[in-house]
Amino acid sequence: MKLITKAIENRLKRYPLYSQDGMGGDATAICKFFAPTGRWTWYVTEAERQGNNDYEFFGLVINGYGEKEYGYFTLSELEGATLPMGLKIERDKGFLPTKLSKINQIN
């Protein structure tokens, strides 16, 4: 599955790194990636395309234990992850941009 579509790429251009800094729950998650074998989830709030066509993301990460933290990760890290049974990280196709405050209520 392609993790970055043209539509997502266009949305990400409006949210470069540090553009939502300090907004807390008012920050908007642009897209969502998840591990189909567990509870790992990545909500991207900011991104910048790198010179090597990779993306550096910043966002909310929820690990397999349900713990939340903000951090940086790259598209190549997500694409390169090999999960049990040969599965890969996937993009939530139905995800719509959502305020982090709503995501925190759900999780």
C-alpha atoms as a PDB file:
ATOM      1  CA  MET A   1       0.000   0.000   0.000  1.00  0.00           C
ATOM      2  CA  LYS A   2       1.223   3.459  -0.878  1.00  0.00           C
ATOM      3  CA  LEU A   3       1.492   5.445   2.361  1.00  0.00           C
ATOM      4  CA  ILE A   4       1.545   8.919   0.785  1.00  0.00           C
ATOM      5  CA  THR A   5      -1.010   9.755  -1.882  1.00  0.00           C
ATOM      6  CA  LYS A   6      -1.102  12.969  -3.928  1.00  0.00           C
ATOM      7  CA  ALA A   7      -4.028  14.209  -1.813  1.00  0.00           C
ATOM      8  CA  ILE A   8      -2.098  13.639   1.419  1.00  0.00           C
ATOM      9  CA  GLU A   9       1.027  15.161  -0.095  1.00  0.00           C
ATOM     10  CA  ASN A  10      -0.944  18.311  -0.936  1.00  0.00           C
ATOM     11  CA  ARG A  11      -2.366  18.494   2.609  1.00  0.00           C
ATOM     12  CA  LEU A  12       1.082  18.024   4.154  1.00  0.00           C
ATOM     13  CA  LYS A  13       2.429  21.050   2.271  1.00  0.00           C
ATOM     14  CA  ARG A  14       0.190  23.238   4.450  1.00  0.00           C
ATOM     15  CA  TYR A  15       1.681  21.799   7.656  1.00  0.00           C
ATOM     16  CA  PRO A  16       5.493  22.054   7.561  1.00  0.00           C
ATOM     17  CA  LEU A  17       7.514  21.078  10.634  1.00  0.00           C
ATOM     18  CA  TYR A  18       6.878  23.393  13.614  1.00  0.00           C
ATOM     19  CA  SER A  19       3.741  24.902  12.017  1.00  0.00           C
ATOM     20  CA  GLN A  20       1.504  23.536  14.795  1.00  0.00           C
ATOM     21  CA  ASP A  21       4.069  23.852  17.580  1.00  0.00           C
ATOM     22  CA  GLY A  22       2.468  24.641  20.940  1.00  0.00           C
ATOM     23  CA  MET A  23      -1.099  24.041  19.758  1.00  0.00           C
ATOM     24  CA  GLY A  24      -1.633  20.919  21.885  1.00  0.00           C
ATOM     25  CA  GLY A  25      -5.086  19.431  21.358  1.00  0.00           C
ATOM     26  CA  ASP A  26      -5.931  22.107  18.773  1.00  0.00           C
ATOM     27  CA  ALA A  27      -3.300  20.708  16.402  1.00  0.00           C
ATOM     28  CA  THR A  28      -4.715  18.795  13.451  1.00  0.00           C
ATOM     29  CA  ALA A  29      -3.663  15.260  12.557  1.00  0.00           C
ATOM     30  CA  ILE A  30      -3.366  15.145   8.770  1.00  0.00           C
ATOM     31  CA  CYS A  31      -3.082  11.402   8.222  1.00  0.00           C
ATOM     32  CA  LYS A  32      -2.893   8.182  10.202  1.00  0.00           C
ATOM     33  CA  PHE A  33      -0.668   5.131   9.833  1.00  0.00           C
ATOM     34  CA  PHE A  34      -1.015   1.913  11.827  1.00  0.00           C
ATOM     35  CA  ALA A  35       0.490  -1.519  12.334  1.00  0.00           C
ATOM     36  CA  PRO A  36      -2.166  -4.109  11.410  1.00  0.00           C
ATOM     37  CA  THR A  37      -0.662  -6.620  13.858  1.00  0.00           C
ATOM     38  CA  GLY A  38      -0.941  -4.496  16.984  1.00  0.00           C
ATOM     39  CA  ARG A  39      -1.866  -1.187  18.492  1.00  0.00           C
ATOM     40  CA  TRP A  40       0.965   0.988  17.133  1.00  0.00           C
ATOM     41  CA  THR A  41      -0.492   4.101  15.519  1.00  0.00           C
ATOM     42  CA  TRP A  42       1.122   7.234  14.075  1.00  0.00           C
ATOM     43  CA  TYR A  43      -0.876  10.468  13.651  1.00  0.00           C
ATOM     44  CA  VAL A  44       1.002  12.972  11.480  1.00  0.00           C
ATOM     45  CA  THR A  45       0.555  16.632  12.440  1.00  0.00           C
ATOM     46  CA  GLU A  46       3.502  18.135  10.527  1.00  0.00           C
ATOM     47  CA  ALA A  47       5.783  17.004   7.720  1.00  0.00           C
ATOM     48  CA  GLU A  48       8.498  18.148   5.368  1.00  0.00           C
ATOM     49  CA  ARG A  49       9.789  16.454   2.282  1.00  0.00           C
ATOM     50  CA  GLN A  50      13.517  15.810   2.497  1.00  0.00           C
ATOM     51  CA  GLY A  51      16.063  16.090  -0.309  1.00  0.00           C
ATOM     52  CA  ASN A  52      16.078  12.319  -0.779  1.00  0.00           C
ATOM     53  CA  ASN A  53      12.277  12.224  -1.367  1.00  0.00           C
ATOM     54  CA  ASP A  54      11.761  10.918   2.147  1.00  0.00           C
ATOM     55  CA  TYR A  55       9.433  12.708   4.558  1.00  0.00           C
ATOM     56  CA  GLU A  56      10.224  13.728   8.100  1.00  0.00           C
ATOM     57  CA  PHE A  57       7.062  13.656  10.172  1.00  0.00           C
ATOM     58  CA  PHE A  58       6.130  14.934  13.590  1.00  0.00           C
ATOM     59  CA  GLY A  59       3.067  13.716  15.393  1.00  0.00           C
ATOM     60  CA  LEU A  60       1.393  11.672  18.056  1.00  0.00           C
ATOM     61  CA  VAL A  61       2.542   8.068  18.393  1.00  0.00           C
ATOM     62  CA  ILE A  62       0.573   5.496  20.371  1.00  0.00           C
ATOM     63  CA  ASN A  63       2.602   2.391  21.136  1.00  0.00           C
ATOM     64  CA  GLY A  64       1.495  -1.199  21.637  1.00  0.00           C
ATOM     65  CA  TYR A  65       0.819  -0.547  25.329  1.00  0.00           C
ATOM     66  CA  GLY A  66      -1.448   2.417  24.632  1.00  0.00           C
ATOM     67  CA  GLU A  67       1.166   4.941  25.784  1.00  0.00           C
ATOM     68  CA  LYS A  68       1.153   8.237  23.891  1.00  0.00           C
ATOM     69  CA  GLU A  69       4.075  10.446  23.030  1.00  0.00           C
ATOM     70  CA  TYR A  70       4.958  13.085  20.487  1.00  0.00           C
ATOM     71  CA  GLY A  71       7.941  12.505  18.278  1.00  0.00           C
ATOM     72  CA  TYR A  72       9.650  12.541  14.912  1.00  0.00           C
ATOM     73  CA  PHE A  73       9.621   9.647  12.451  1.00  0.00           C
ATOM     74  CA  THR A  74      10.239   9.246   8.748  1.00  0.00           C
ATOM     75  CA  LEU A  75       8.366   7.764   5.840  1.00  0.00           C
ATOM     76  CA  SER A  76      11.301   5.448   5.139  1.00  0.00           C
ATOM     77  CA  GLU A  77      11.116   4.097   8.711  1.00  0.00           C
ATOM     78  CA  LEU A  78       7.428   3.311   8.296  1.00  0.00           C
ATOM     79  CA  GLU A  79       7.918   1.787   4.841  1.00  0.00           C
ATOM     80  CA  GLY A  80      10.902  -0.256   6.013  1.00  0.00           C
ATOM     81  CA  ALA A  81       9.207  -1.829   9.019  1.00  0.00           C
ATOM     82  CA  THR A  82       8.640  -5.552   8.611  1.00  0.00           C
ATOM     83  CA  LEU A  83       5.919  -6.926  10.855  1.00  0.00           C
ATOM     84  CA  PRO A  84       5.012 -10.519  11.704  1.00  0.00           C
ATOM     85  CA  MET A  85       3.693 -12.551   8.775  1.00  0.00           C
ATOM     86  CA  GLY A  86       5.398 -10.146   6.358  1.00  0.00           C
ATOM     87  CA  LEU A  87       2.834  -7.393   6.917  1.00  0.00           C
ATOM     88  CA  LYS A  88       3.687  -3.713   6.493  1.00  0.00           C
ATOM     89  CA  ILE A  89       2.568  -0.449   8.073  1.00  0.00           C
ATOM     90  CA  GLU A  90      -0.681   0.730   6.499  1.00  0.00           C
ATOM     91  CA  ARG A  91      -2.432   4.036   5.933  1.00  0.00           C
ATOM     92  CA  ASP A  92      -5.935   4.479   7.314  1.00  0.00           C
ATOM     93  CA  LYS A  93      -7.763   5.148   4.039  1.00  0.00           C
ATOM     94  CA  GLY A  94     -10.857   6.497   5.775  1.00  0.00           C
ATOM     95  CA  PHE A  95      -9.069   8.909   8.105  1.00  0.00           C
ATOM     96  CA  LEU A  96     -10.038  12.556   7.809  1.00  0.00           C
ATOM     97  CA  PRO A  97      -8.015  15.424   9.325  1.00  0.00           C
ATOM     98  CA  THR A  98      -8.946  15.524  13.013  1.00  0.00           C
ATOM     99  CA  LYS A  99      -8.005  17.643  16.027  1.00  0.00           C
ATOM    100  CA  LEU A 100      -5.731  15.798  18.465  1.00  0.00           C
ATOM    101  CA  SER A 101      -8.167  16.566  21.289  1.00  0.00           C
ATOM    102  CA  LYS A 102     -10.734  14.294  19.592  1.00  0.00           C
ATOM    103  CA  ILE A 103      -8.165  11.563  18.994  1.00  0.00           C
ATOM    104  CA  ASN A 104      -7.138  11.684  22.661  1.00  0.00           C
ATOM    105  CA  GLN A 105     -10.785  11.219  23.699  1.00  0.00           C
ATOM    106  CA  ILE A 106     -11.058   8.084  21.585  1.00  0.00           C
ATOM    107  CA  ASN A 107      -7.767   6.442  22.579  1.00  0.00           C
END
